[in-house]
Amino acid sequence: MKTVTATELKTKTGETLDAAQKEPVSIEKNGRAVAVIIPQAEYERFTRLENDYWMSRIESAEASGYIGVEATHALIKDRLKKNAKS
């Protein structure tokens, strides 16, 4: 994976975005990795995978009779809110 500093990103934005179309690009600030740039298609794929995972958890919970649809949706919304704050 290619790595660029935040300063390099400011001065070479176009080049960095071009590189990110071929492989993820890690962005470092003060010597610490803070972000990764990936192609839009990869982001969408990851989002679909995450959604599929949570839907399978919902279906599994419903099939076991442990929790209903509304409770499952409420649980997922709560977990997503907590994850977004992290």
Protein backbone atom coordinates (compact mmCIF):
# COMPACT_ATOMS: atom_id res chain seq x y z
CA MET A 1 0.00 0.00 0.00
CA LYS A 2 1.32 3.41 -0.93
CA THR A 3 1.70 5.95 1.88
CA VAL A 4 1.73 9.74 1.61
CA THR A 5 1.91 12.43 4.25
CA ALA A 6 -0.90 14.93 4.76
CA THR A 7 1.42 17.62 3.38
CA GLU A 8 2.07 15.56 0.24
CA LEU A 9 -1.66 15.04 -0.14
CA LYS A 10 -2.17 18.82 -0.17
CA THR A 11 0.43 19.36 -2.88
CA LYS A 12 -0.17 16.20 -4.92
CA THR A 13 -3.91 15.64 -4.61
CA GLY A 14 -4.42 14.66 -8.24
CA GLU A 15 -1.52 12.21 -8.26
CA THR A 16 -2.67 10.69 -4.98
CA LEU A 17 -6.23 10.22 -6.26
CA ASP A 18 -4.88 8.62 -9.43
CA ALA A 19 -2.76 6.23 -7.35
CA ALA A 20 -5.79 5.38 -5.19
CA GLN A 21 -7.56 4.03 -8.26
CA LYS A 22 -4.93 1.28 -8.45
CA GLU A 23 -4.37 0.52 -4.75
CA PRO A 24 -5.33 1.92 -1.35
CA VAL A 25 -3.31 4.97 -0.30
CA SER A 26 -2.57 5.48 3.38
CA ILE A 27 -2.42 9.08 4.63
CA GLU A 28 -0.10 9.86 7.53
CA LYS A 29 -0.11 12.90 9.76
CA ASN A 30 2.72 13.42 12.22
CA GLY A 31 3.99 9.92 11.43
CA ARG A 32 0.67 8.27 12.27
CA ALA A 33 -1.74 6.66 9.80
CA VAL A 34 -5.00 8.63 9.92
CA ALA A 35 -6.93 7.68 6.76
CA VAL A 36 -6.98 5.48 3.69
CA ILE A 37 -8.19 6.56 0.26
CA ILE A 38 -9.85 3.81 -1.76
CA PRO A 39 -11.77 3.84 -5.06
CA GLN A 40 -15.50 4.62 -4.84
CA ALA A 41 -16.33 1.14 -6.17
CA GLU A 42 -14.41 -0.49 -3.31
CA TYR A 43 -16.16 1.71 -0.76
CA GLU A 44 -19.53 0.69 -2.21
CA ARG A 45 -18.48 -2.99 -2.12
CA PHE A 46 -17.47 -2.70 1.54
CA THR A 47 -20.76 -0.98 2.35
CA ARG A 48 -22.72 -3.77 0.62
CA LEU A 49 -20.74 -6.41 2.52
CA GLU A 50 -21.46 -4.69 5.82
CA ASN A 51 -25.16 -4.37 4.99
CA ASP A 52 -25.31 -8.03 3.95
CA TYR A 53 -23.65 -9.02 7.22
CA TRP A 54 -26.17 -7.11 9.33
CA MET A 55 -29.10 -8.43 7.30
CA SER A 56 -27.87 -11.98 7.86
CA ARG A 57 -27.71 -11.26 11.60
CA ILE A 58 -31.28 -9.96 11.48
CA GLU A 59 -32.48 -13.04 9.61
CA SER A 60 -30.64 -15.36 11.97
CA ALA A 61 -32.12 -13.65 15.02
CA GLU A 62 -35.62 -13.82 13.57
CA ALA A 63 -35.20 -17.50 12.65
CA SER A 64 -34.11 -18.38 16.18
CA GLY A 65 -37.19 -16.72 17.60
CA TYR A 66 -35.02 -14.69 19.95
CA ILE A 67 -35.85 -11.19 18.69
CA GLY A 68 -38.37 -9.59 16.36
CA VAL A 69 -37.93 -7.35 13.35
CA GLU A 70 -38.57 -4.08 15.19
CA ALA A 71 -36.22 -4.96 18.05
CA THR A 72 -33.54 -6.07 15.61
CA HIS A 73 -33.79 -2.83 13.63
CA ALA A 74 -33.64 -0.80 16.83
CA LEU A 75 -30.58 -2.75 17.98
CA ILE A 76 -28.78 -2.24 14.67
CA LYS A 77 -29.59 1.48 14.56
CA ASP A 78 -28.27 1.85 18.10
CA ARG A 79 -25.06 -0.05 17.29
CA LEU A 80 -24.50 1.99 14.11
CA LYS A 81 -24.93 5.24 16.04
CA LYS A 82 -22.42 4.07 18.66
CA ASN A 83 -19.94 3.00 15.96
CA ALA A 84 -20.31 6.35 14.18
CA LYS A 85 -19.36 8.17 17.39
CA SER A 86 -16.21 6.05 17.82
